């Protein structure tokens, strides 16, 4: 019985947070956009749709797949770097510097 009450409390809290964030988005939009840019006044459901659209556009639909892929490569390169000697590290640094850093011509020391 306690588990059901616990789930019900979290469900009610989730709905309350959803309603608050939707209302806050609607209120901020209606406060800022019409006077500043002569934009339309939006309803609650349009504000929720705007939040969903921005979630899709800015962070994608999937879960944490992107960060796990990046952490795989980070971990792999860290292990490679840790197993190198200091001479190998310096050689790698110089190769990367030659390949990726922009070379500037040396300035002459003679000034007129």
PDB file of N, CA and C in Angstrom:
ATOM      1  N   UNK A   1       0.827  -1.200   0.000  1.00  0.00           N
ATOM      2  CA  UNK A   1       0.000   0.000   0.000  1.00  0.00           C
ATOM      3  C   UNK A   1       0.867   1.259   0.000  1.00  0.00           C
ATOM      4  N   UNK A   2       1.988   1.219   0.752  1.00  0.00           N
ATOM      5  CA  UNK A   2       2.850   2.390   0.827  1.00  0.00           C
ATOM      6  C   UNK A   2       3.504   2.682  -0.518  1.00  0.00           C
ATOM      7  N   UNK A   3       3.792   1.616  -1.289  1.00  0.00           N
ATOM      8  CA  UNK A   3       4.409   1.804  -2.591  1.00  0.00           C
ATOM      9  C   UNK A   3       3.455   2.534  -3.545  1.00  0.00           C
ATOM     10  N   UNK A   4       2.175   2.215  -3.477  1.00  0.00           N
ATOM     11  CA  UNK A   4       1.176   2.876  -4.313  1.00  0.00           C
ATOM     12  C   UNK A   4       1.045   4.355  -3.975  1.00  0.00           C
ATOM     13  N   UNK A   5       1.077   4.673  -2.699  1.00  0.00           N
ATOM     14  CA  UNK A   5       0.991   6.074  -2.270  1.00  0.00           C
ATOM     15  C   UNK A   5       2.246   6.833  -2.714  1.00  0.00           C
ATOM     16  N   UNK A   6       3.392   6.166  -2.592  1.00  0.00           N
ATOM     17  CA  UNK A   6       4.652   6.771  -3.021  1.00  0.00           C
ATOM     18  C   UNK A   6       4.610   7.104  -4.516  1.00  0.00           C
ATOM     19  N   UNK A   7       4.151   6.161  -5.329  1.00  0.00           N
ATOM     20  CA  UNK A   7       4.054   6.379  -6.775  1.00  0.00           C
ATOM     21  C   UNK A   7       3.045   7.479  -7.079  1.00  0.00           C
ATOM     22  N   UNK A   8       1.928   7.495  -6.371  1.00  0.00           N
ATOM     23  CA  UNK A   8       0.911   8.527  -6.583  1.00  0.00           C
ATOM     24  C   UNK A   8       1.448   9.917  -6.251  1.00  0.00           C
ATOM     25  N   UNK A   9       2.223  10.031  -5.162  1.00  0.00           N
ATOM     26  CA  UNK A   9       2.808  11.322  -4.788  1.00  0.00           C
ATOM     27  C   UNK A   9       3.754  11.825  -5.876  1.00  0.00           C
ATOM     28  N   UNK A  10       4.612  10.931  -6.412  1.00  0.00           N
ATOM     29  CA  UNK A  10       5.551  11.339  -7.461  1.00  0.00           C
ATOM     30  C   UNK A  10       4.830  11.675  -8.763  1.00  0.00           C
ATOM     31  N   UNK A  11       3.743  10.972  -9.056  1.00  0.00           N
ATOM     32  CA  UNK A  11       2.964  11.269 -10.254  1.00  0.00           C
ATOM     33  C   UNK A  11       2.318  12.651 -10.140  1.00  0.00           C
ATOM     34  N   UNK A  12       1.757  12.946  -8.983  1.00  0.00           N
ATOM     35  CA  UNK A  12       1.150  14.261  -8.762  1.00  0.00           C
ATOM     36  C   UNK A  12       2.210  15.355  -8.832  1.00  0.00           C
ATOM     37  N   UNK A  13       3.378  15.102  -8.240  1.00  0.00           N
ATOM     38  CA  UNK A  13       4.467  16.074  -8.303  1.00  0.00           C
ATOM     39  C   UNK A  13       4.922  16.289  -9.750  1.00  0.00           C
ATOM     40  N   UNK A  14       5.020  15.211 -10.520  1.00  0.00           N
ATOM     41  CA  UNK A  14       5.409  15.331 -11.929  1.00  0.00           C
ATOM     42  C   UNK A  14       4.422  16.150 -12.730  1.00  0.00           C
ATOM     43  N   UNK A  15       3.142  15.916 -12.515  1.00  0.00           N
ATOM     44  CA  UNK A  15       2.103  16.689 -13.216  1.00  0.00           C
ATOM     45  C   UNK A  15       2.160  18.151 -12.791  1.00  0.00           C
ATOM     46  N   UNK A  16       2.368  18.405 -11.506  1.00  0.00           N
ATOM     47  CA  UNK A  16       2.456  19.784 -11.019  1.00  0.00           C
ATOM     48  C   UNK A  16       3.657  20.504 -11.635  1.00  0.00           C
ATOM     49  N   UNK A  17       4.792  19.829 -11.732  1.00  0.00           N
ATOM     50  CA  UNK A  17       5.984  20.435 -12.346  1.00  0.00           C
ATOM     51  C   UNK A  17       5.741  20.695 -13.824  1.00  0.00           C
ATOM     52  N   UNK A  18       5.103  19.734 -14.512  1.00  0.00           N
ATOM     53  CA  UNK A  18       4.767  19.906 -15.925  1.00  0.00           C
ATOM     54  C   UNK A  18       3.885  21.134 -16.136  1.00  0.00           C
ATOM     55  N   UNK A  19       2.861  21.260 -15.317  1.00  0.00           N
ATOM     56  CA  UNK A  19       1.944  22.401 -15.434  1.00  0.00           C
ATOM     57  C   UNK A  19       2.672  23.705 -15.124  1.00  0.00           C
ATOM     58  N   UNK A  20       3.516  23.711 -14.104  1.00  0.00           N
ATOM     59  CA  UNK A  20       4.237  24.932 -13.742  1.00  0.00           C
ATOM     60  C   UNK A  20       5.197  25.371 -14.841  1.00  0.00           C
ATOM     61  N   UNK A  21       5.953  24.427 -15.406  1.00  0.00           N
ATOM     62  CA  UNK A  21       6.911  24.786 -16.452  1.00  0.00           C
ATOM     63  C   UNK A  21       6.176  25.270 -17.704  1.00  0.00           C
ATOM     64  N   UNK A  22       5.077  24.618 -18.055  1.00  0.00           N
ATOM     65  CA  UNK A  22       4.268  25.078 -19.193  1.00  0.00           C
ATOM     66  C   UNK A  22       3.703  26.471 -18.959  1.00  0.00           C
ATOM     67  N   UNK A  23       3.187  26.698 -17.769  1.00  0.00           N
ATOM     68  CA  UNK A  23       2.634  28.017 -17.440  1.00  0.00           C
ATOM     69  C   UNK A  23       3.730  29.079 -17.440  1.00  0.00           C
ATOM     70  N   UNK A  24       4.902  28.748 -16.876  1.00  0.00           N
ATOM     71  CA  UNK A  24       6.011  29.700 -16.832  1.00  0.00           C
ATOM     72  C   UNK A  24       6.475  30.067 -18.247  1.00  0.00           C
ATOM     73  N   UNK A  25       6.577  29.085 -19.119  1.00  0.00           N
ATOM     74  CA  UNK A  25       6.962  29.356 -20.508  1.00  0.00           C
ATOM     75  C   UNK A  25       5.931  30.250 -21.184  1.00  0.00           C
ATOM     76  N   UNK A  26       4.662  29.943 -20.988  1.00  0.00           N
ATOM     77  CA  UNK A  26       3.592  30.750 -21.573  1.00  0.00           C
ATOM     78  C   UNK A  26       3.639  32.184 -21.038  1.00  0.00           C
ATOM     79  N   UNK A  27       3.811  32.322 -19.732  1.00  0.00           N
ATOM     80  CA  UNK A  27       3.819  33.660 -19.128  1.00  0.00           C
ATOM     81  C   UNK A  27       5.012  34.486 -19.618  1.00  0.00           C
ATOM     82  N   UNK A  28       6.201  33.864 -19.672  1.00  0.00           N
ATOM     83  CA  UNK A  28       7.375  34.592 -20.154  1.00  0.00           C
ATOM     84  C   UNK A  28       7.235  34.979 -21.613  1.00  0.00           C
ATOM     85  N   UNK A  29       6.732  34.060 -22.433  1.00  0.00           N
ATOM     86  CA  UNK A  29       6.529  34.369 -23.857  1.00  0.00           C
ATOM     87  C   UNK A  29       5.548  35.533 -23.999  1.00  0.00           C
ATOM     88  N   UNK A  30       4.419  35.426 -23.329  1.00  0.00           N
ATOM     89  CA  UNK A  30       3.385  36.459 -23.479  1.00  0.00           C
ATOM     90  C   UNK A  30       3.812  37.792 -22.873  1.00  0.00           C
ATOM     91  N   UNK A  31       4.737  37.777 -21.928  1.00  0.00           N
ATOM     92  CA  UNK A  31       5.234  39.013 -21.334  1.00  0.00           C
ATOM     93  C   UNK A  31       6.274  39.680 -22.229  1.00  0.00           C
ATOM     94  N   UNK A  32       7.114  38.870 -22.883  1.00  0.00           N
ATOM     95  CA  UNK A  32       8.241  39.428 -23.634  1.00  0.00           C
ATOM     96  C   UNK A  32       8.008  39.571 -25.140  1.00  0.00           C
ATOM     97  N   UNK A  33       7.510  38.547 -25.777  1.00  0.00           N
ATOM     98  CA  UNK A  33       7.492  38.513 -27.239  1.00  0.00           C
ATOM     99  C   UNK A  33       6.500  39.509 -27.857  1.00  0.00           C
ATOM    100  N   UNK A  34       5.238  39.578 -27.423  1.00  0.00           N
ATOM    101  CA  UNK A  34       4.336  40.538 -28.065  1.00  0.00           C
ATOM    102  C   UNK A  34       4.794  42.002 -27.967  1.00  0.00           C
ATOM    103  N   UNK A  35       5.235  42.500 -26.806  1.00  0.00           N
ATOM    104  CA  UNK A  35       5.659  43.905 -26.777  1.00  0.00           C
ATOM    105  C   UNK A  35       6.979  44.157 -27.516  1.00  0.00           C
ATOM    106  N   UNK A  36       7.910  43.212 -27.468  1.00  0.00           N
ATOM    107  CA  UNK A  36       9.220  43.442 -28.077  1.00  0.00           C
ATOM    108  C   UNK A  36       9.222  43.241 -29.590  1.00  0.00           C
ATOM    109  N   UNK A  37       8.578  42.172 -30.047  1.00  0.00           N
ATOM    110  CA  UNK A  37       8.671  41.802 -31.459  1.00  0.00           C
ATOM    111  C   UNK A  37       7.331  41.758 -32.172  1.00  0.00           C
ATOM    112  N   UNK A  38       6.267  42.218 -31.544  1.00  0.00           N
ATOM    113  CA  UNK A  38       4.912  42.161 -32.099  1.00  0.00           C
ATOM    114  C   UNK A  38       4.529  40.737 -32.467  1.00  0.00           C
ATOM    115  N   UNK A  39       4.971  39.779 -31.643  1.00  0.00           N
ATOM    116  CA  UNK A  39       4.665  38.375 -31.874  1.00  0.00           C
ATOM    117  C   UNK A  39       3.301  38.024 -31.302  1.00  0.00           C
ATOM    118  N   UNK A  40       2.857  36.797 -31.559  1.00  0.00           N
ATOM    119  CA  UNK A  40       1.532  36.384 -31.087  1.00  0.00           C
ATOM    120  C   UNK A  40       1.541  36.027 -29.604  1.00  0.00           C
ATOM    121  N   UNK A  41       0.377  36.083 -29.004  1.00  0.00           N
ATOM    122  CA  UNK A  41       0.171  35.590 -27.647  1.00  0.00           C
ATOM    123  C   UNK A  41      -0.121  34.099 -27.778  1.00  0.00           C
ATOM    124  N   UNK A  42       0.507  33.268 -26.942  1.00  0.00           N
ATOM    125  CA  UNK A  42       0.316  31.826 -27.068  1.00  0.00           C
ATOM    126  C   UNK A  42      -0.460  31.265 -25.895  1.00  0.00           C
ATOM    127  N   UNK A  43      -1.049  30.087 -26.110  1.00  0.00           N
ATOM    128  CA  UNK A  43      -1.797  29.405 -25.054  1.00  0.00           C
ATOM    129  C   UNK A  43      -0.866  28.445 -24.309  1.00  0.00           C
ATOM    130  N   UNK A  44      -1.415  27.806 -23.284  1.00  0.00           N
ATOM    131  CA  UNK A  44      -0.639  26.855 -22.486  1.00  0.00           C
ATOM    132  C   UNK A  44      -0.127  25.715 -23.352  1.00  0.00           C
ATOM    133  N   UNK A  45      -0.992  25.132 -24.181  1.00  0.00           N
ATOM    134  CA  UNK A  45      -0.591  23.986 -24.995  1.00  0.00           C
ATOM    135  C   UNK A  45       0.409  24.387 -26.082  1.00  0.00           C
ATOM    136  N   UNK A  46       0.322  25.594 -26.572  1.00  0.00           N
ATOM    137  CA  UNK A  46       1.328  26.066 -27.519  1.00  0.00           C
ATOM    138  C   UNK A  46       2.682  26.220 -26.821  1.00  0.00           C
ATOM    139  N   UNK A  47       2.665  26.651 -25.584  1.00  0.00           N
ATOM    140  CA  UNK A  47       3.909  26.771 -24.813  1.00  0.00           C
ATOM    141  C   UNK A  47       4.520  25.390 -24.566  1.00  0.00           C
ATOM    142  N   UNK A  48       3.701  24.400 -24.249  1.00  0.00           N
ATOM    143  CA  UNK A  48       4.192  23.038 -24.059  1.00  0.00           C
ATOM    144  C   UNK A  48       4.763  22.513 -25.374  1.00  0.00           C
ATOM    145  N   UNK A  49       4.077  22.787 -26.481  1.00  0.00           N
ATOM    146  CA  UNK A  49       4.590  22.387 -27.795  1.00  0.00           C
ATOM    147  C   UNK A  49       5.911  23.058 -28.113  1.00  0.00           C
ATOM    148  N   UNK A  50       6.044  24.305 -27.731  1.00  0.00           N
ATOM    149  CA  UNK A  50       7.301  25.026 -27.937  1.00  0.00           C
ATOM    150  C   UNK A  50       8.432  24.391 -27.126  1.00  0.00           C
ATOM    151  N   UNK A  51       8.147  23.975 -25.907  1.00  0.00           N
ATOM    152  CA  UNK A  51       9.151  23.289 -25.088  1.00  0.00           C
ATOM    153  C   UNK A  51       9.565  21.956 -25.708  1.00  0.00           C
ATOM    154  N   UNK A  52       8.599  21.196 -26.203  1.00  0.00           N
ATOM    155  CA  UNK A  52       8.899  19.910 -26.829  1.00  0.00           C
ATOM    156  C   UNK A  52       9.725  20.121 -28.094  1.00  0.00           C
ATOM    157  N   UNK A  53       9.358  21.113 -28.899  1.00  0.00           N
ATOM    158  CA  UNK A  53      10.104  21.411 -30.115  1.00  0.00           C
ATOM    159  C   UNK A  53      11.536  21.827 -29.807  1.00  0.00           C
ATOM    160  N   UNK A  54      11.724  22.665 -28.808  1.00  0.00           N
ATOM    161  CA  UNK A  54      13.079  23.084 -28.461  1.00  0.00           C
ATOM    162  C   UNK A  54      13.894  21.925 -27.905  1.00  0.00           C
ATOM    163  N   UNK A  55      13.265  20.994 -27.183  1.00  0.00           N
ATOM    164  CA  UNK A  55      13.959  19.804 -26.703  1.00  0.00           C
ATOM    165  C   UNK A  55      14.446  18.971 -27.878  1.00  0.00           C
ATOM    166  N   UNK A  56      13.580  18.775 -28.873  1.00  0.00           N
ATOM    167  CA  UNK A  56      13.956  17.984 -30.047  1.00  0.00           C
ATOM    168  C   UNK A  56      15.066  18.673 -30.827  1.00  0.00           C
ATOM    169  N   UNK A  57      14.953  19.980 -31.023  1.00  0.00           N
ATOM    170  CA  UNK A  57      15.933  20.689 -31.842  1.00  0.00           C
ATOM    171  C   UNK A  57      17.291  20.813 -31.169  1.00  0.00           C
ATOM    172  N   UNK A  58      17.318  21.043 -29.867  1.00  0.00           N
ATOM    173  CA  UNK A  58      18.576  21.340 -29.197  1.00  0.00           C
ATOM    174  C   UNK A  58      19.248  20.148 -28.536  1.00  0.00           C
ATOM    175  N   UNK A  59      18.502  19.098 -28.178  1.00  0.00           N
ATOM    176  CA  UNK A  59      19.162  17.971 -27.533  1.00  0.00           C
ATOM    177  C   UNK A  59      18.788  16.632 -28.140  1.00  0.00           C
ATOM    178  N   UNK A  60      17.965  16.609 -29.132  1.00  0.00           N
ATOM    179  CA  UNK A  60      17.628  15.363 -29.799  1.00  0.00           C
ATOM    180  C   UNK A  60      16.557  14.585 -29.065  1.00  0.00           C
ATOM    181  N   UNK A  61      16.163  13.481 -29.687  1.00  0.00           N
ATOM    182  CA  UNK A  61      15.087  12.672 -29.135  1.00  0.00           C
ATOM    183  C   UNK A  61      15.622  11.583 -28.221  1.00  0.00           C
ATOM    184  N   UNK A  62      16.799  11.059 -28.532  1.00  0.00           N
ATOM    185  CA  UNK A  62      17.355   9.923 -27.792  1.00  0.00           C
ATOM    186  C   UNK A  62      17.781  10.274 -26.389  1.00  0.00           C
ATOM    187  N   UNK A  63      18.253   9.247 -25.711  1.00  0.00           N
ATOM    188  CA  UNK A  63      18.707   9.412 -24.336  1.00  0.00           C
ATOM    189  C   UNK A  63      20.140   9.904 -24.266  1.00  0.00           C
ATOM    190  N   UNK A  64      20.970   9.178 -23.509  1.00  0.00           N
ATOM    191  CA  UNK A  64      22.345   9.602 -23.280  1.00  0.00           C
ATOM    192  C   UNK A  64      23.325   8.898 -24.208  1.00  0.00           C
ATOM    193  N   UNK A  65      22.896   8.538 -25.384  1.00  0.00           N
ATOM    194  CA  UNK A  65      23.770   7.835 -26.309  1.00  0.00           C
ATOM    195  C   UNK A  65      24.966   8.687 -26.702  1.00  0.00           C
ATOM    196  N   UNK A  66      24.767   9.967 -26.890  1.00  0.00           N
ATOM    197  CA  UNK A  66      25.831  10.836 -27.375  1.00  0.00           C
ATOM    198  C   UNK A  66      26.958  10.951 -26.360  1.00  0.00           C
ATOM    199  N   UNK A  67      26.623  11.103 -25.106  1.00  0.00           N
ATOM    200  CA  UNK A  67      27.662  11.266 -24.096  1.00  0.00           C
ATOM    201  C   UNK A  67      28.421   9.965 -23.851  1.00  0.00           C
ATOM    202  N   UNK A  68      27.742   8.818 -23.953  1.00  0.00           N
ATOM    203  CA  UNK A  68      28.441   7.557 -23.729  1.00  0.00           C
ATOM    204  C   UNK A  68      29.438   7.289 -24.849  1.00  0.00           C
ATOM    205  N   UNK A  69      29.109   7.683 -26.071  1.00  0.00           N
ATOM    206  CA  UNK A  69      30.034   7.516 -27.185  1.00  0.00           C
ATOM    207  C   UNK A  69      31.272   8.367 -26.975  1.00  0.00           C
ATOM    208  N   UNK A  70      31.083   9.614 -26.531  1.00  0.00           N
ATOM    209  CA  UNK A  70      32.215  10.487 -26.266  1.00  0.00           C
ATOM    210  C   UNK A  70      33.066   9.997 -25.111  1.00  0.00           C
ATOM    211  N   UNK A  71      32.432   9.444 -24.092  1.00  0.00           N
ATOM    212  CA  UNK A  71      33.205   8.961 -22.950  1.00  0.00           C
ATOM    213  C   UNK A  71      34.022   7.731 -23.331  1.00  0.00           C
ATOM    214  N   UNK A  72      33.547   6.943 -24.292  1.00  0.00           N
ATOM    215  CA  UNK A  72      34.320   5.789 -24.755  1.00  0.00           C
ATOM    216  C   UNK A  72      35.646   6.253 -25.338  1.00  0.00           C
ATOM    217  N   UNK A  73      35.600   7.237 -26.226  1.00  0.00           N
ATOM    218  CA  UNK A  73      36.829   7.723 -26.849  1.00  0.00           C
ATOM    219  C   UNK A  73      37.721   8.431 -25.836  1.00  0.00           C
ATOM    220  N   UNK A  74      37.129   9.176 -24.929  1.00  0.00           N
ATOM    221  CA  UNK A  74      37.914   9.854 -23.908  1.00  0.00           C
ATOM    222  C   UNK A  74      38.663   8.833 -23.049  1.00  0.00           C
ATOM    223  N   UNK A  75      37.977   7.788 -22.656  1.00  0.00           N
ATOM    224  CA  UNK A  75      38.587   6.744 -21.837  1.00  0.00           C
ATOM    225  C   UNK A  75      39.689   6.031 -22.623  1.00  0.00           C
ATOM    226  N   UNK A  76      39.431   5.745 -23.899  1.00  0.00           N
ATOM    227  CA  UNK A  76      40.413   5.050 -24.720  1.00  0.00           C
ATOM    228  C   UNK A  76      41.682   5.880 -24.886  1.00  0.00           C
ATOM    229  N   UNK A  77      41.534   7.170 -25.182  1.00  0.00           N
ATOM    230  CA  UNK A  77      42.709   8.027 -25.358  1.00  0.00           C
ATOM    231  C   UNK A  77      43.437   8.273 -24.037  1.00  0.00           C
ATOM    232  N   UNK A  78      42.708   8.326 -22.957  1.00  0.00           N
ATOM    233  CA  UNK A  78      43.346   8.491 -21.657  1.00  0.00           C
ATOM    234  C   UNK A  78      44.229   7.281 -21.352  1.00  0.00           C
ATOM    235  N   UNK A  79      43.716   6.088 -21.630  1.00  0.00           N
ATOM    236  CA  UNK A  79      44.519   4.884 -21.388  1.00  0.00           C
ATOM    237  C   UNK A  79      45.762   4.862 -22.263  1.00  0.00           C
ATOM    238  N   UNK A  80      45.611   5.267 -23.529  1.00  0.00           N
ATOM    239  CA  UNK A  80      46.766   5.315 -24.429  1.00  0.00           C
ATOM    240  C   UNK A  80      47.795   6.310 -23.917  1.00  0.00           C
ATOM    241  N   UNK A  81      47.348   7.480 -23.517  1.00  0.00           N
ATOM    242  CA  UNK A  81      48.237   8.532 -23.021  1.00  0.00           C
ATOM    243  C   UNK A  81      48.950   8.078 -21.738  1.00  0.00           C
ATOM    244  N   UNK A  82      48.222   7.400 -20.870  1.00  0.00           N
ATOM    245  CA  UNK A  82      48.796   6.961 -19.598  1.00  0.00           C
ATOM    246  C   UNK A  82      49.867   5.887 -19.796  1.00  0.00           C
ATOM    247  N   UNK A  83      49.751   5.106 -20.860  1.00  0.00           N
ATOM    248  CA  UNK A  83      50.724   4.042 -21.082  1.00  0.00           C
ATOM    249  C   UNK A  83      51.970   4.525 -21.830  1.00  0.00           C
ATOM    250  N   UNK A  84      51.993   5.780 -22.271  1.00  0.00           N
ATOM    251  CA  UNK A  84      53.150   6.310 -23.007  1.00  0.00           C
ATOM    252  C   UNK A  84      54.245   6.771 -22.055  1.00  0.00           C
ATOM    253  N   UNK A  85      55.467   6.711 -22.558  1.00  0.00           N
ATOM    254  CA  UNK A  85      56.576   7.293 -21.806  1.00  0.00           C
ATOM    255  C   UNK A  85      56.585   8.795 -22.071  1.00  0.00           C
ATOM    256  N   UNK A  86      57.369   9.519 -21.297  1.00  0.00           N
ATOM    257  CA  UNK A  86      57.405  10.971 -21.479  1.00  0.00           C
ATOM    258  C   UNK A  86      57.972  11.341 -22.851  1.00  0.00           C
ATOM    259  N   UNK A  87      58.917  10.554 -23.389  1.00  0.00           N
ATOM    260  CA  UNK A  87      59.465  10.836 -24.715  1.00  0.00           C
ATOM    261  C   UNK A  87      58.405  10.617 -25.794  1.00  0.00           C
ATOM    262  N   UNK A  88      57.606   9.562 -25.646  1.00  0.00           N
ATOM    263  CA  UNK A  88      56.536   9.306 -26.616  1.00  0.00           C
ATOM    264  C   UNK A  88      55.479  10.402 -26.563  1.00  0.00           C
ATOM    265  N   UNK A  89      55.188  10.888 -25.365  1.00  0.00           N
ATOM    266  CA  UNK A  89      54.217  11.989 -25.234  1.00  0.00           C
ATOM    267  C   UNK A  89      54.713  13.243 -25.933  1.00  0.00           C
ATOM    268  N   UNK A  90      55.974  13.576 -25.725  1.00  0.00           N
ATOM    269  CA  UNK A  90      56.539  14.766 -26.370  1.00  0.00           C
ATOM    270  C   UNK A  90      56.552  14.614 -27.890  1.00  0.00           C
ATOM    271  N   UNK A  91      56.875  13.418 -28.386  1.00  0.00           N
ATOM    272  CA  UNK A  91      56.867  13.174 -29.820  1.00  0.00           C
ATOM    273  C   UNK A  91      55.451  13.331 -30.380  1.00  0.00           C
ATOM    274  N   UNK A  92      54.458  12.806 -29.674  1.00  0.00           N
ATOM    275  CA  UNK A  92      53.070  12.951 -30.118  1.00  0.00           C
ATOM    276  C   UNK A  92      52.644  14.410 -30.108  1.00  0.00           C
ATOM    277  N   UNK A  93      53.004  15.131 -29.057  1.00  0.00           N
ATOM    278  CA  UNK A  93      52.666  16.557 -28.977  1.00  0.00           C
ATOM    279  C   UNK A  93      53.264  17.325 -30.145  1.00  0.00           C
ATOM    280  N   UNK A  94      54.525  17.042 -30.471  1.00  0.00           N
ATOM    281  CA  UNK A  94      55.161  17.773 -31.562  1.00  0.00           C
ATOM    282  C   UNK A  94      54.532  17.413 -32.909  1.00  0.00           C
ATOM    283  N   UNK A  95      54.165  16.132 -33.102  1.00  0.00           N
ATOM    284  CA  UNK A  95      53.491  15.753 -34.351  1.00  0.00           C
ATOM    285  C   UNK A  95      52.142  16.442 -34.472  1.00  0.00           C
ATOM    286  N   UNK A  96      51.389  16.504 -33.390  1.00  0.00           N
ATOM    287  CA  UNK A  96      50.085  17.170 -33.420  1.00  0.00           C
ATOM    288  C   UNK A  96      50.244  18.673 -33.653  1.00  0.00           C
ATOM    289  N   UNK A  97      51.262  19.244 -33.057  1.00  0.00           N
ATOM    290  CA  UNK A  97      51.516  20.671 -33.229  1.00  0.00           C
ATOM    291  C   UNK A  97      51.868  20.977 -34.679  1.00  0.00           C
ATOM    292  N   UNK A  98      52.715  20.120 -35.287  1.00  0.00           N
ATOM    293  CA  UNK A  98      53.075  20.319 -36.686  1.00  0.00           C
ATOM    294  C   UNK A  98      51.867  20.163 -37.601  1.00  0.00           C
ATOM    295  N   UNK A  99      51.002  19.239 -37.267  1.00  0.00           N
ATOM    296  CA  UNK A  99      49.862  18.961 -38.128  1.00  0.00           C
ATOM    297  C   UNK A  99      48.743  19.981 -37.974  1.00  0.00           C
ATOM    298  N   UNK A 100      48.445  20.410 -36.744  1.00  0.00           N
ATOM    299  CA  UNK A 100      47.246  21.196 -36.493  1.00  0.00           C
ATOM    300  C   UNK A 100      47.478  22.653 -36.135  1.00  0.00           C
ATOM    301  N   UNK A 101      48.641  23.011 -35.631  1.00  0.00           N
ATOM    302  CA  UNK A 101      48.868  24.396 -35.223  1.00  0.00           C
ATOM    303  C   UNK A 101      49.327  25.218 -36.418  1.00  0.00           C
ATOM    304  N   UNK A 102      48.845  26.416 -36.464  1.00  0.00           N
ATOM    305  CA  UNK A 102      49.195  27.307 -37.564  1.00  0.00           C
ATOM    306  C   UNK A 102      50.614  27.808 -37.353  1.00  0.00           C
ATOM    307  N   UNK A 103      51.383  27.774 -38.442  1.00  0.00           N
ATOM    308  CA  UNK A 103      52.772  28.214 -38.355  1.00  0.00           C
ATOM    309  C   UNK A 103      52.860  29.665 -38.802  1.00  0.00           C
ATOM    310  N   UNK A 104      53.478  30.459 -37.989  1.00  0.00           N
ATOM    311  CA  UNK A 104      53.684  31.858 -38.313  1.00  0.00           C
ATOM    312  C   UNK A 104      55.147  32.048 -38.708  1.00  0.00           C
ATOM    313  N   UNK A 105      55.398  32.868 -39.713  1.00  0.00           N
ATOM    314  CA  UNK A 105      56.796  33.124 -40.075  1.00  0.00           C
ATOM    315  C   UNK A 105      57.490  33.870 -38.941  1.00  0.00           C
ATOM    316  N   UNK A 106      58.747  33.515 -38.760  1.00  0.00           N
ATOM    317  CA  UNK A 106      59.497  34.168 -37.694  1.00  0.00           C
ATOM    318  C   UNK A 106      59.745  35.623 -38.061  1.00  0.00           C
ATOM    319  N   UNK A 107      59.564  36.474 -37.088  1.00  0.00           N
ATOM    320  CA  UNK A 107      59.791  37.890 -37.332  1.00  0.00           C
ATOM    321  C   UNK A 107      61.287  38.166 -37.284  1.00  0.00           C
ATOM    322  N   UNK A 108      61.729  39.031 -38.158  1.00  0.00           N
ATOM    323  CA  UNK A 108      63.151  39.353 -38.152  1.00  0.00           C
ATOM    324  C   UNK A 108      63.483  40.239 -36.969  1.00  0.00           C
ATOM    325  N   UNK A 109      64.671  40.060 -36.463  1.00  0.00           N
ATOM    326  CA  UNK A 109      65.080  40.827 -35.296  1.00  0.00           C
ATOM    327  C   UNK A 109      65.588  42.220 -35.685  1.00  0.00           C
ATOM    328  N   UNK A 110      65.854  42.427 -36.979  1.00  0.00           N
ATOM    329  CA  UNK A 110      66.328  43.734 -37.437  1.00  0.00           C
ATOM    330  C   UNK A 110      65.124  44.634 -37.658  1.00  0.00           C
ATOM    331  N   UNK A 111      65.093  45.718 -36.929  1.00  0.00           N
ATOM    332  CA  UNK A 111      64.015  46.686 -37.108  1.00  0.00           C
ATOM    333  C   UNK A 111      64.618  47.968 -37.645  1.00  0.00           C
ATOM    334  N   UNK A 112      63.969  48.564 -38.628  1.00  0.00           N
ATOM    335  CA  UNK A 112      64.474  49.804 -39.240  1.00  0.00           C
ATOM    336  C   UNK A 112      64.016  51.006 -38.496  1.00  0.00           C
TER     337      UNK A 112
END
